[in-house]
Amino acid sequence: MSAIKFYRHPLSGHSHRVELLLSLLKLDFETIEIDLMKGEQKSPEFLLKNPNGQVPAIEDGETTLWDSNAILVYLATKYDTNRTFLPSNAGEAAEVQKFLSLAAGSIAFGPAAARLVTLFGASIDADVSISLAHQTLAKLESHLANRQWLATEQVTLADIANYAYIALAPEGNVALQDYPNVRDWLVRVESLDGFVAIQSSPVGLKSAA
């Protein structure tokens, strides 16, 4: 089987969630860097892989996929024979989907958006994004009070999809000190066999660290 081609940018949390699952599943993959600053994601060649002009994207044989959560579902369904990351049980699978929606919603518009302001100077209302981030983190803090993982009793796509932008929340001026359960959960993800870190940047609260 040929290696999966994985198109990413090292600062992209959406890319990282795919890279993390590829590594946890111990799959053979080739990383291809897409320089967002040079606009390579908008090149005609890359638009054939993702017409939205965004990373990540993968090529797995004859299959080309974009949208990070869709890629996670594909990889887990095809390659996770134990169905750990996307359980076959309908109720547990639905729980995972709830947190994939969280990753695409409140996490994307909260801590991820706040980080876009400090990292790339995005024209986003930082105060609104920071407020949404803290609302979301408070809910997760309560949710994790008596559990190890977000969706089931073991790590799933729910944890993979939400990790990066929460871990990097301080880069968007979102402090994590009031959320010990969330911080413990981050450590559990980082302790997984095959964990790979996302590149950090000295912006936001990290600039003073």
N, C-alpha and C. Protein backbone atom coordinates (compact mmCIF):
# COMPACT_ATOMS: atom_id res chain seq x y z
N MET A 1 0.84 -1.19 0.00
CA MET A 1 0.00 0.00 0.00
C MET A 1 0.87 1.24 0.00
N SER A 2 0.61 2.17 -0.90
CA SER A 2 1.40 3.39 -0.97
C SER A 2 1.04 4.32 0.18
N ALA A 3 1.97 5.20 0.50
CA ALA A 3 1.77 6.12 1.60
C ALA A 3 0.65 7.10 1.30
N ILE A 4 -0.10 7.46 2.32
CA ILE A 4 -1.12 8.50 2.20
C ILE A 4 -0.41 9.84 2.03
N LYS A 5 -0.84 10.65 1.08
CA LYS A 5 -0.29 11.99 0.92
C LYS A 5 -1.11 12.95 1.76
N PHE A 6 -0.42 13.65 2.63
CA PHE A 6 -1.07 14.53 3.60
C PHE A 6 -0.59 15.97 3.37
N TYR A 7 -1.53 16.82 2.96
CA TYR A 7 -1.22 18.21 2.65
C TYR A 7 -1.60 19.06 3.87
N ARG A 8 -0.64 19.84 4.36
CA ARG A 8 -0.88 20.55 5.61
C ARG A 8 -0.08 21.86 5.67
N HIS A 9 -0.39 22.67 6.69
CA HIS A 9 0.46 23.76 7.11
C HIS A 9 0.75 23.53 8.59
N PRO A 10 2.00 23.72 9.05
CA PRO A 10 2.36 23.35 10.42
C PRO A 10 1.66 24.14 11.51
N LEU A 11 1.10 25.32 11.19
CA LEU A 11 0.40 26.11 12.20
C LEU A 11 -1.11 25.86 12.21
N SER A 12 -1.57 25.03 11.32
CA SER A 12 -3.01 24.77 11.19
C SER A 12 -3.47 23.71 12.18
N GLY A 13 -4.38 24.08 13.07
CA GLY A 13 -4.95 23.10 13.98
C GLY A 13 -5.80 22.07 13.26
N HIS A 14 -6.44 22.48 12.17
CA HIS A 14 -7.21 21.53 11.37
C HIS A 14 -6.29 20.48 10.76
N SER A 15 -5.12 20.92 10.31
CA SER A 15 -4.13 19.97 9.79
C SER A 15 -3.63 19.06 10.90
N HIS A 16 -3.40 19.65 12.07
CA HIS A 16 -2.82 18.85 13.15
C HIS A 16 -3.73 17.71 13.56
N ARG A 17 -5.04 17.92 13.59
CA ARG A 17 -5.92 16.83 14.03
C ARG A 17 -5.80 15.63 13.09
N VAL A 18 -5.61 15.89 11.80
CA VAL A 18 -5.42 14.79 10.85
C VAL A 18 -4.06 14.13 11.07
N GLU A 19 -3.03 14.95 11.22
CA GLU A 19 -1.69 14.41 11.46
C GLU A 19 -1.66 13.57 12.72
N LEU A 20 -2.34 14.04 13.76
CA LEU A 20 -2.36 13.31 15.02
C LEU A 20 -3.00 11.95 14.85
N LEU A 21 -4.11 11.88 14.16
CA LEU A 21 -4.76 10.58 13.97
C LEU A 21 -3.91 9.67 13.08
N LEU A 22 -3.33 10.21 12.03
CA LEU A 22 -2.43 9.40 11.20
C LEU A 22 -1.33 8.77 12.04
N SER A 23 -0.77 9.57 12.96
CA SER A 23 0.31 9.08 13.80
C SER A 23 -0.19 8.06 14.83
N LEU A 24 -1.33 8.33 15.45
CA LEU A 24 -1.87 7.40 16.44
C LEU A 24 -2.22 6.05 15.82
N LEU A 25 -2.68 6.10 14.57
CA LEU A 25 -3.02 4.86 13.86
C LEU A 25 -1.79 4.20 13.26
N LYS A 26 -0.63 4.89 13.38
CA LYS A 26 0.64 4.37 12.87
C LYS A 26 0.57 4.07 11.38
N LEU A 27 -0.06 4.98 10.65
CA LEU A 27 -0.19 4.83 9.21
C LEU A 27 1.03 5.42 8.51
N ASP A 28 1.32 4.89 7.34
CA ASP A 28 2.42 5.39 6.52
C ASP A 28 1.90 6.58 5.72
N PHE A 29 2.48 7.76 5.96
CA PHE A 29 2.02 8.93 5.24
C PHE A 29 3.17 9.85 4.88
N GLU A 30 2.99 10.57 3.78
CA GLU A 30 3.96 11.55 3.30
C GLU A 30 3.38 12.94 3.54
N THR A 31 4.13 13.76 4.26
CA THR A 31 3.69 15.12 4.54
C THR A 31 4.13 16.07 3.45
N ILE A 32 3.19 16.82 2.91
CA ILE A 32 3.47 17.80 1.87
C ILE A 32 3.05 19.16 2.40
N GLU A 33 4.03 20.04 2.58
CA GLU A 33 3.76 21.36 3.14
C GLU A 33 3.13 22.28 2.10
N ILE A 34 2.07 22.97 2.49
CA ILE A 34 1.42 23.97 1.66
C ILE A 34 1.67 25.33 2.30
N ASP A 35 2.38 26.19 1.60
CA ASP A 35 2.75 27.50 2.13
C ASP A 35 1.57 28.47 1.99
N LEU A 36 0.85 28.67 3.07
CA LEU A 36 -0.32 29.54 3.05
C LEU A 36 0.08 30.99 2.80
N MET A 37 1.26 31.39 3.28
CA MET A 37 1.69 32.77 3.11
C MET A 37 1.94 33.10 1.64
N LYS A 38 2.35 32.09 0.87
CA LYS A 38 2.58 32.28 -0.56
C LYS A 38 1.33 32.00 -1.39
N GLY A 39 0.25 31.60 -0.71
CA GLY A 39 -0.99 31.34 -1.43
C GLY A 39 -1.03 30.03 -2.18
N GLU A 40 -0.18 29.08 -1.77
CA GLU A 40 -0.15 27.80 -2.49
C GLU A 40 -1.47 27.04 -2.41
N GLN A 41 -2.26 27.33 -1.35
CA GLN A 41 -3.55 26.67 -1.21
C GLN A 41 -4.55 27.11 -2.27
N LYS A 42 -4.26 28.21 -2.95
CA LYS A 42 -5.14 28.72 -4.00
C LYS A 42 -4.62 28.40 -5.41
N SER A 43 -3.54 27.65 -5.48
CA SER A 43 -2.98 27.30 -6.78
C SER A 43 -3.91 26.36 -7.52
N PRO A 44 -3.91 26.38 -8.85
CA PRO A 44 -4.77 25.47 -9.61
C PRO A 44 -4.55 24.01 -9.25
N GLU A 45 -3.29 23.64 -8.97
CA GLU A 45 -2.99 22.25 -8.64
C GLU A 45 -3.64 21.85 -7.33
N PHE A 46 -3.55 22.73 -6.33
CA PHE A 46 -4.12 22.36 -5.04
C PHE A 46 -5.64 22.45 -5.05
N LEU A 47 -6.20 23.36 -5.81
CA LEU A 47 -7.66 23.47 -5.88
C LEU A 47 -8.30 22.22 -6.45
N LEU A 48 -7.54 21.42 -7.18
CA LEU A 48 -8.05 20.14 -7.65
C LEU A 48 -8.21 19.16 -6.49
N LYS A 49 -7.45 19.38 -5.44
CA LYS A 49 -7.54 18.51 -4.26
C LYS A 49 -8.56 19.04 -3.27
N ASN A 50 -8.63 20.36 -3.11
CA ASN A 50 -9.65 20.99 -2.27
C ASN A 50 -10.11 22.27 -2.94
N PRO A 51 -11.29 22.26 -3.54
CA PRO A 51 -11.79 23.44 -4.24
C PRO A 51 -12.00 24.65 -3.34
N ASN A 52 -12.02 24.43 -2.01
CA ASN A 52 -12.14 25.55 -1.07
C ASN A 52 -10.80 26.24 -0.83
N GLY A 53 -9.72 25.65 -1.32
CA GLY A 53 -8.42 26.26 -1.15
C GLY A 53 -7.96 26.33 0.28
N GLN A 54 -8.14 25.23 1.02
CA GLN A 54 -7.77 25.19 2.43
C GLN A 54 -7.05 23.88 2.73
N VAL A 55 -6.21 23.92 3.76
CA VAL A 55 -5.63 22.68 4.28
C VAL A 55 -6.44 22.25 5.50
N PRO A 56 -6.46 20.94 5.76
CA PRO A 56 -5.70 19.86 5.14
C PRO A 56 -6.46 19.21 3.98
N ALA A 57 -5.72 18.35 3.29
CA ALA A 57 -6.31 17.44 2.32
C ALA A 57 -5.46 16.18 2.33
N ILE A 58 -6.04 15.07 1.91
CA ILE A 58 -5.27 13.84 1.81
C ILE A 58 -5.58 13.18 0.47
N GLU A 59 -4.63 12.38 0.02
CA GLU A 59 -4.83 11.48 -1.12
C GLU A 59 -4.47 10.09 -0.64
N ASP A 60 -5.41 9.19 -0.71
CA ASP A 60 -5.22 7.81 -0.29
C ASP A 60 -5.59 6.92 -1.47
N GLY A 61 -4.59 6.57 -2.25
CA GLY A 61 -4.88 5.83 -3.47
C GLY A 61 -5.71 6.68 -4.42
N GLU A 62 -6.88 6.17 -4.78
CA GLU A 62 -7.76 6.89 -5.69
C GLU A 62 -8.67 7.88 -4.97
N THR A 63 -8.59 7.92 -3.66
CA THR A 63 -9.47 8.78 -2.87
C THR A 63 -8.77 10.08 -2.50
N THR A 64 -9.41 11.20 -2.83
CA THR A 64 -8.94 12.52 -2.41
C THR A 64 -10.00 13.13 -1.51
N LEU A 65 -9.58 13.60 -0.33
CA LEU A 65 -10.53 14.12 0.65
C LEU A 65 -10.04 15.44 1.23
N TRP A 66 -10.98 16.32 1.53
CA TRP A 66 -10.71 17.54 2.28
C TRP A 66 -11.78 17.68 3.34
N ASP A 67 -11.62 18.68 4.20
CA ASP A 67 -12.39 18.89 5.43
C ASP A 67 -11.84 17.96 6.50
N SER A 68 -11.24 18.58 7.50
CA SER A 68 -10.50 17.80 8.50
C SER A 68 -11.36 16.77 9.22
N ASN A 69 -12.58 17.13 9.59
CA ASN A 69 -13.42 16.17 10.31
C ASN A 69 -13.85 15.02 9.40
N ALA A 70 -14.11 15.32 8.14
CA ALA A 70 -14.45 14.26 7.19
C ALA A 70 -13.26 13.31 7.02
N ILE A 71 -12.05 13.86 6.98
CA ILE A 71 -10.86 13.03 6.87
C ILE A 71 -10.72 12.14 8.11
N LEU A 72 -10.97 12.70 9.30
CA LEU A 72 -10.90 11.90 10.52
C LEU A 72 -11.86 10.71 10.45
N VAL A 73 -13.09 10.97 10.03
CA VAL A 73 -14.08 9.90 9.94
C VAL A 73 -13.64 8.84 8.94
N TYR A 74 -13.11 9.27 7.82
CA TYR A 74 -12.63 8.35 6.78
C TYR A 74 -11.50 7.46 7.33
N LEU A 75 -10.50 8.08 7.92
CA LEU A 75 -9.36 7.32 8.41
C LEU A 75 -9.77 6.34 9.51
N ALA A 76 -10.61 6.81 10.43
CA ALA A 76 -11.04 5.94 11.53
C ALA A 76 -11.88 4.78 11.02
N THR A 77 -12.74 5.05 10.05
CA THR A 77 -13.60 3.99 9.51
C THR A 77 -12.80 2.97 8.73
N LYS A 78 -11.82 3.43 7.98
CA LYS A 78 -11.06 2.54 7.10
C LYS A 78 -9.94 1.81 7.82
N TYR A 79 -9.26 2.49 8.76
CA TYR A 79 -8.02 1.94 9.27
C TYR A 79 -8.04 1.55 10.75
N ASP A 80 -9.01 2.00 11.52
CA ASP A 80 -9.06 1.65 12.93
C ASP A 80 -9.91 0.40 13.11
N THR A 81 -9.27 -0.75 13.01
CA THR A 81 -10.01 -2.02 13.04
C THR A 81 -10.68 -2.27 14.39
N ASN A 82 -10.16 -1.66 15.44
CA ASN A 82 -10.76 -1.83 16.77
C ASN A 82 -11.94 -0.89 17.01
N ARG A 83 -12.18 0.02 16.07
CA ARG A 83 -13.24 1.01 16.19
C ARG A 83 -13.17 1.76 17.52
N THR A 84 -11.96 2.12 17.89
CA THR A 84 -11.75 2.91 19.10
C THR A 84 -12.11 4.37 18.85
N PHE A 85 -11.60 4.93 17.77
CA PHE A 85 -11.73 6.36 17.53
C PHE A 85 -13.12 6.76 17.03
N LEU A 86 -13.80 5.85 16.36
CA LEU A 86 -15.18 6.08 15.93
C LEU A 86 -15.96 4.81 16.22
N PRO A 87 -16.54 4.70 17.41
CA PRO A 87 -17.18 3.45 17.82
C PRO A 87 -18.29 3.02 16.88
N SER A 88 -18.47 1.71 16.77
CA SER A 88 -19.55 1.17 15.95
C SER A 88 -20.89 1.25 16.66
N ASN A 89 -20.86 1.34 17.99
CA ASN A 89 -22.08 1.51 18.77
C ASN A 89 -22.75 2.84 18.40
N ALA A 90 -24.02 2.80 18.08
CA ALA A 90 -24.70 3.99 17.57
C ALA A 90 -24.70 5.14 18.57
N GLY A 91 -24.95 4.84 19.83
CA GLY A 91 -24.98 5.89 20.84
C GLY A 91 -23.62 6.54 21.03
N GLU A 92 -22.58 5.71 21.08
CA GLU A 92 -21.23 6.26 21.26
C GLU A 92 -20.79 7.04 20.02
N ALA A 93 -21.15 6.54 18.84
CA ALA A 93 -20.82 7.25 17.61
C ALA A 93 -21.48 8.63 17.58
N ALA A 94 -22.72 8.69 18.08
CA ALA A 94 -23.42 9.97 18.14
C ALA A 94 -22.74 10.92 19.12
N GLU A 95 -22.24 10.40 20.23
CA GLU A 95 -21.51 11.23 21.18
C GLU A 95 -20.26 11.82 20.52
N VAL A 96 -19.56 11.00 19.75
CA VAL A 96 -18.39 11.50 19.04
C VAL A 96 -18.79 12.61 18.07
N GLN A 97 -19.87 12.40 17.35
CA GLN A 97 -20.32 13.40 16.38
C GLN A 97 -20.64 14.73 17.06
N LYS A 98 -21.19 14.70 18.24
CA LYS A 98 -21.49 15.93 18.98
C LYS A 98 -20.22 16.77 19.16
N PHE A 99 -19.12 16.11 19.44
CA PHE A 99 -17.89 16.85 19.67
C PHE A 99 -17.16 17.22 18.39
N LEU A 100 -17.43 16.48 17.31
CA LEU A 100 -16.94 16.93 16.01
C LEU A 100 -17.66 18.22 15.62
N SER A 101 -18.94 18.30 15.95
CA SER A 101 -19.70 19.53 15.70
C SER A 101 -19.19 20.66 16.57
N LEU A 102 -18.81 20.35 17.81
CA LEU A 102 -18.24 21.37 18.69
C LEU A 102 -16.95 21.92 18.08
N ALA A 103 -16.12 21.03 17.56
CA ALA A 103 -14.85 21.45 16.96
C ALA A 103 -15.09 22.38 15.77
N ALA A 104 -16.13 22.09 15.01
CA ALA A 104 -16.44 22.90 13.82
C ALA A 104 -17.23 24.15 14.18
N GLY A 105 -17.72 24.23 15.41
CA GLY A 105 -18.55 25.35 15.82
C GLY A 105 -17.86 26.22 16.85
N SER A 106 -18.17 26.00 18.12
CA SER A 106 -17.69 26.88 19.19
C SER A 106 -16.18 26.92 19.31
N ILE A 107 -15.50 25.82 19.03
CA ILE A 107 -14.04 25.83 19.10
C ILE A 107 -13.47 26.61 17.92
N ALA A 108 -14.03 26.43 16.74
CA ALA A 108 -13.54 27.15 15.56
C ALA A 108 -13.79 28.65 15.68
N PHE A 109 -14.94 29.03 16.21
CA PHE A 109 -15.29 30.45 16.31
C PHE A 109 -14.84 31.08 17.63
N GLY A 110 -14.36 30.24 18.54
CA GLY A 110 -13.87 30.73 19.83
C GLY A 110 -12.35 30.78 19.85
N PRO A 111 -11.69 29.80 20.47
CA PRO A 111 -10.23 29.88 20.60
C PRO A 111 -9.49 29.88 19.28
N ALA A 112 -9.98 29.14 18.30
CA ALA A 112 -9.29 29.13 16.99
C ALA A 112 -9.35 30.49 16.33
N ALA A 113 -10.51 31.14 16.38
CA ALA A 113 -10.66 32.46 15.77
C ALA A 113 -9.83 33.50 16.51
N ALA A 114 -9.81 33.43 17.84
CA ALA A 114 -9.02 34.38 18.62
C ALA A 114 -7.54 34.26 18.27
N ARG A 115 -7.08 33.05 18.02
CA ARG A 115 -5.69 32.83 17.62
C ARG A 115 -5.40 33.39 16.23
N LEU A 116 -6.37 33.34 15.35
CA LEU A 116 -6.17 33.91 14.01
C LEU A 116 -5.87 35.40 14.08
N VAL A 117 -6.42 36.07 15.08
CA VAL A 117 -6.19 37.50 15.23
C VAL A 117 -4.73 37.77 15.60
N THR A 118 -4.23 37.06 16.61
CA THR A 118 -2.86 37.31 17.07
C THR A 118 -1.82 36.75 16.12
N LEU A 119 -2.15 35.64 15.46
CA LEU A 119 -1.17 34.95 14.63
C LEU A 119 -1.09 35.53 13.22
N PHE A 120 -2.26 35.85 12.66
CA PHE A 120 -2.30 36.30 11.27
C PHE A 120 -2.93 37.67 11.07
N GLY A 121 -3.34 38.32 12.17
CA GLY A 121 -3.97 39.63 12.04
C GLY A 121 -5.33 39.59 11.38
N ALA A 122 -6.07 38.50 11.59
CA ALA A 122 -7.38 38.34 10.96
C ALA A 122 -8.35 39.42 11.42
N SER A 123 -9.23 39.81 10.53
CA SER A 123 -10.24 40.84 10.84
C SER A 123 -11.42 40.19 11.55
N ILE A 124 -11.21 39.82 12.78
CA ILE A 124 -12.20 39.14 13.61
C ILE A 124 -12.31 39.90 14.92
N ASP A 125 -13.51 39.97 15.47
CA ASP A 125 -13.69 40.63 16.77
C ASP A 125 -13.10 39.71 17.85
N ALA A 126 -11.91 40.05 18.30
CA ALA A 126 -11.21 39.18 19.25
C ALA A 126 -11.97 39.03 20.55
N ASP A 127 -12.61 40.12 21.03
CA ASP A 127 -13.33 40.04 22.30
C ASP A 127 -14.48 39.04 22.22
N VAL A 128 -15.19 39.02 21.10
CA VAL A 128 -16.29 38.07 20.92
C VAL A 128 -15.75 36.64 20.91
N SER A 129 -14.66 36.42 20.19
CA SER A 129 -14.08 35.08 20.10
C SER A 129 -13.56 34.61 21.46
N ILE A 130 -12.91 35.51 22.20
CA ILE A 130 -12.39 35.15 23.51
C ILE A 130 -13.53 34.83 24.48
N SER A 131 -14.60 35.61 24.42
CA SER A 131 -15.76 35.35 25.28
C SER A 131 -16.37 33.99 24.96
N LEU A 132 -16.53 33.67 23.67
CA LEU A 132 -17.07 32.37 23.28
C LEU A 132 -16.14 31.25 23.72
N ALA A 133 -14.83 31.49 23.62
CA ALA A 133 -13.87 30.48 24.05
C ALA A 133 -14.04 30.15 25.52
N HIS A 134 -14.18 31.17 26.35
CA HIS A 134 -14.32 30.91 27.79
C HIS A 134 -15.66 30.25 28.11
N GLN A 135 -16.72 30.63 27.41
CA GLN A 135 -18.00 29.95 27.61
C GLN A 135 -17.88 28.46 27.29
N THR A 136 -17.19 28.15 26.20
CA THR A 136 -17.02 26.76 25.78
C THR A 136 -16.13 26.00 26.73
N LEU A 137 -15.04 26.62 27.14
CA LEU A 137 -14.13 25.96 28.06
C LEU A 137 -14.79 25.69 29.42
N ALA A 138 -15.63 26.59 29.86
CA ALA A 138 -16.34 26.38 31.12
C ALA A 138 -17.25 25.15 31.04
N LYS A 139 -17.91 24.98 29.91
CA LYS A 139 -18.76 23.81 29.72
C LYS A 139 -17.93 22.53 29.68
N LEU A 140 -16.79 22.59 28.99
CA LEU A 140 -15.92 21.41 28.93
C LEU A 140 -15.33 21.09 30.29
N GLU A 141 -15.01 22.14 31.06
CA GLU A 141 -14.49 21.93 32.41
C GLU A 141 -15.49 21.14 33.26
N SER A 142 -16.75 21.50 33.17
CA SER A 142 -17.79 20.78 33.91
C SER A 142 -17.96 19.37 33.36
N HIS A 143 -17.93 19.24 32.03
CA HIS A 143 -18.12 17.94 31.38
C HIS A 143 -17.02 16.96 31.80
N LEU A 144 -15.80 17.46 31.97
CA LEU A 144 -14.66 16.60 32.27
C LEU A 144 -14.45 16.39 33.77
N ALA A 145 -15.38 16.83 34.57
CA ALA A 145 -15.21 16.74 36.02
C ALA A 145 -15.07 15.30 36.50
N ASN A 146 -15.80 14.38 35.88
CA ASN A 146 -15.79 12.99 36.33
C ASN A 146 -15.53 12.01 35.19
N ARG A 147 -14.76 12.47 34.20
CA ARG A 147 -14.48 11.59 33.09
C ARG A 147 -13.10 11.91 32.53
N GLN A 148 -12.52 10.94 31.83
CA GLN A 148 -11.18 11.09 31.27
C GLN A 148 -11.20 11.66 29.86
N TRP A 149 -12.21 11.28 29.09
CA TRP A 149 -12.26 11.64 27.67
C TRP A 149 -13.59 12.28 27.34
N LEU A 150 -13.67 12.94 26.22
CA LEU A 150 -14.85 13.75 25.91
C LEU A 150 -16.10 12.94 25.61
N ALA A 151 -15.98 11.88 24.81
CA ALA A 151 -17.18 11.22 24.30
C ALA A 151 -17.46 9.87 24.93
N THR A 152 -16.43 9.04 25.11
CA THR A 152 -16.61 7.70 25.67
C THR A 152 -15.58 7.49 26.77
N GLU A 153 -15.40 6.25 27.19
CA GLU A 153 -14.44 5.96 28.25
C GLU A 153 -13.02 5.81 27.72
N GLN A 154 -12.84 6.00 26.42
CA GLN A 154 -11.50 5.98 25.85
C GLN A 154 -11.37 7.07 24.81
N VAL A 155 -10.16 7.33 24.38
CA VAL A 155 -9.92 8.39 23.41
C VAL A 155 -10.66 8.10 22.11
N THR A 156 -11.25 9.15 21.53
CA THR A 156 -11.96 9.02 20.26
C THR A 156 -11.63 10.23 19.39
N LEU A 157 -12.26 10.28 18.22
CA LEU A 157 -12.12 11.43 17.35
C LEU A 157 -12.55 12.72 18.04
N ALA A 158 -13.43 12.61 19.01
CA ALA A 158 -13.87 13.79 19.75
C ALA A 158 -12.68 14.50 20.38
N ASP A 159 -11.78 13.74 20.96
CA ASP A 159 -10.60 14.31 21.60
C ASP A 159 -9.59 14.80 20.57
N ILE A 160 -9.43 14.03 19.51
CA ILE A 160 -8.47 14.39 18.47
C ILE A 160 -8.87 15.70 17.81
N ALA A 161 -10.14 15.86 17.51
CA ALA A 161 -10.62 17.03 16.77
C ALA A 161 -10.54 18.31 17.59
N ASN A 162 -10.65 18.20 18.90
CA ASN A 162 -10.73 19.40 19.74
C ASN A 162 -9.41 19.77 20.40
N TYR A 163 -8.44 18.90 20.35
CA TYR A 163 -7.20 19.11 21.10
C TYR A 163 -6.46 20.39 20.71
N ALA A 164 -6.09 20.54 19.44
CA ALA A 164 -5.09 21.54 19.04
C ALA A 164 -5.50 22.97 19.40
N TYR A 165 -6.72 23.35 19.05
CA TYR A 165 -7.11 24.75 19.27
C TYR A 165 -7.34 25.06 20.74
N ILE A 166 -7.63 24.03 21.54
CA ILE A 166 -7.71 24.26 22.98
C ILE A 166 -6.31 24.36 23.57
N ALA A 167 -5.42 23.49 23.15
CA ALA A 167 -4.04 23.54 23.63
C ALA A 167 -3.37 24.87 23.28
N LEU A 168 -3.71 25.42 22.13
CA LEU A 168 -3.11 26.66 21.67
C LEU A 168 -3.94 27.90 22.02
N ALA A 169 -4.98 27.71 22.82
CA ALA A 169 -5.85 28.84 23.17
C ALA A 169 -5.08 30.03 23.73
N PRO A 170 -4.05 29.83 24.57
CA PRO A 170 -3.31 30.99 25.08
C PRO A 170 -2.69 31.86 23.98
N GLU A 171 -2.42 31.28 22.82
CA GLU A 171 -1.89 32.09 21.72
C GLU A 171 -2.92 33.11 21.24
N GLY A 172 -4.17 32.87 21.52
CA GLY A 172 -5.23 33.81 21.18
C GLY A 172 -5.71 34.61 22.38
N ASN A 173 -4.86 34.69 23.41
CA ASN A 173 -5.17 35.42 24.64
C ASN A 173 -6.32 34.80 25.44
N VAL A 174 -6.45 33.49 25.34
CA VAL A 174 -7.43 32.75 26.13
C VAL A 174 -6.67 31.92 27.17
N ALA A 175 -6.73 32.35 28.41
CA ALA A 175 -5.99 31.67 29.48
C ALA A 175 -6.69 30.38 29.88
N LEU A 176 -5.89 29.38 30.26
CA LEU A 176 -6.44 28.08 30.63
C LEU A 176 -6.33 27.79 32.13
N GLN A 177 -5.81 28.73 32.93
CA GLN A 177 -5.55 28.41 34.32
C GLN A 177 -6.80 28.12 35.13
N ASP A 178 -7.95 28.61 34.69
CA ASP A 178 -9.19 28.38 35.44
C ASP A 178 -9.86 27.06 35.06
N TYR A 179 -9.20 26.26 34.25
CA TYR A 179 -9.82 25.03 33.74
C TYR A 179 -8.90 23.83 33.98
N PRO A 180 -8.73 23.42 35.25
CA PRO A 180 -7.81 22.32 35.55
C PRO A 180 -8.22 20.99 34.92
N ASN A 181 -9.51 20.73 34.82
CA ASN A 181 -9.95 19.47 34.19
C ASN A 181 -9.60 19.46 32.71
N VAL A 182 -9.74 20.60 32.08
CA VAL A 182 -9.38 20.70 30.66
C VAL A 182 -7.88 20.52 30.50
N ARG A 183 -7.10 21.13 31.39
CA ARG A 183 -5.64 21.00 31.30
C ARG A 183 -5.19 19.56 31.53
N ASP A 184 -5.85 18.87 32.45
CA ASP A 184 -5.54 17.45 32.67
C ASP A 184 -5.87 16.63 31.44
N TRP A 185 -6.97 16.96 30.80
CA TRP A 185 -7.36 16.26 29.56
C TRP A 185 -6.32 16.49 28.47
N LEU A 186 -5.81 17.70 28.35
CA LEU A 186 -4.77 17.98 27.36
C LEU A 186 -3.54 17.10 27.62
N VAL A 187 -3.17 16.95 28.88
CA VAL A 187 -2.03 16.11 29.23
C VAL A 187 -2.29 14.66 28.85
N ARG A 188 -3.52 14.19 29.04
CA ARG A 188 -3.84 12.81 28.66
C ARG A 188 -3.68 12.61 27.16
N VAL A 189 -4.15 13.57 26.38
CA VAL A 189 -3.97 13.47 24.92
C VAL A 189 -2.48 13.44 24.59
N GLU A 190 -1.73 14.31 25.22
CA GLU A 190 -0.29 14.42 24.94
C GLU A 190 0.49 13.19 25.40
N SER A 191 -0.12 12.36 26.24
CA SER A 191 0.54 11.15 26.73
C SER A 191 0.24 9.93 25.87
N LEU A 192 -0.58 10.08 24.85
CA LEU A 192 -0.93 8.96 23.99
C LEU A 192 0.28 8.48 23.19
N ASP A 193 0.35 7.18 22.99
CA ASP A 193 1.42 6.59 22.19
C ASP A 193 1.24 7.04 20.73
N GLY A 194 2.21 7.77 20.23
CA GLY A 194 2.12 8.28 18.87
C GLY A 194 1.74 9.75 18.80
N PHE A 195 1.58 10.39 19.95
CA PHE A 195 1.22 11.81 19.95
C PHE A 195 2.29 12.63 19.23
N VAL A 196 1.83 13.59 18.44
CA VAL A 196 2.71 14.56 17.80
C VAL A 196 2.22 15.95 18.18
N ALA A 197 3.13 16.83 18.51
CA ALA A 197 2.78 18.17 18.93
C ALA A 197 2.55 19.08 17.73
N ILE A 198 1.76 20.11 17.92
CA ILE A 198 1.59 21.13 16.90
C ILE A 198 2.57 22.27 17.19
N GLN A 199 3.05 22.88 16.15
CA GLN A 199 4.00 23.99 16.30
C GLN A 199 3.35 25.14 17.04
N SER A 200 4.04 25.65 18.06
CA SER A 200 3.53 26.77 18.82
C SER A 200 4.16 28.06 18.33
N SER A 201 3.54 29.18 18.70
CA SER A 201 4.01 30.49 18.26
C SER A 201 4.02 31.45 19.45
N PRO A 202 5.01 32.35 19.51
CA PRO A 202 5.11 33.29 20.64
C PRO A 202 4.19 34.49 20.46
N VAL A 203 2.89 34.24 20.45
CA VAL A 203 1.90 35.31 20.30
C VAL A 203 0.89 35.22 21.43
N GLY A 204 0.10 36.25 21.60
CA GLY A 204 -0.90 36.26 22.65
C GLY A 204 -0.26 36.11 24.01
N LEU A 205 -0.84 35.29 24.86
CA LEU A 205 -0.28 35.05 26.19
C LEU A 205 1.06 34.34 26.13
N LYS A 206 1.32 33.64 25.04
CA LYS A 206 2.60 32.95 24.87
C LYS A 206 3.75 33.94 24.66
N SER A 207 3.44 35.13 24.23
CA SER A 207 4.50 36.11 23.94
C SER A 207 5.20 36.56 25.20
N ALA A 208 4.50 36.44 26.33
CA ALA A 208 5.08 36.85 27.62
C ALA A 208 5.64 35.68 28.40
N ALA A 209 5.50 34.49 27.85
CA ALA A 209 5.94 33.29 28.57
C ALA A 209 7.46 33.14 28.51
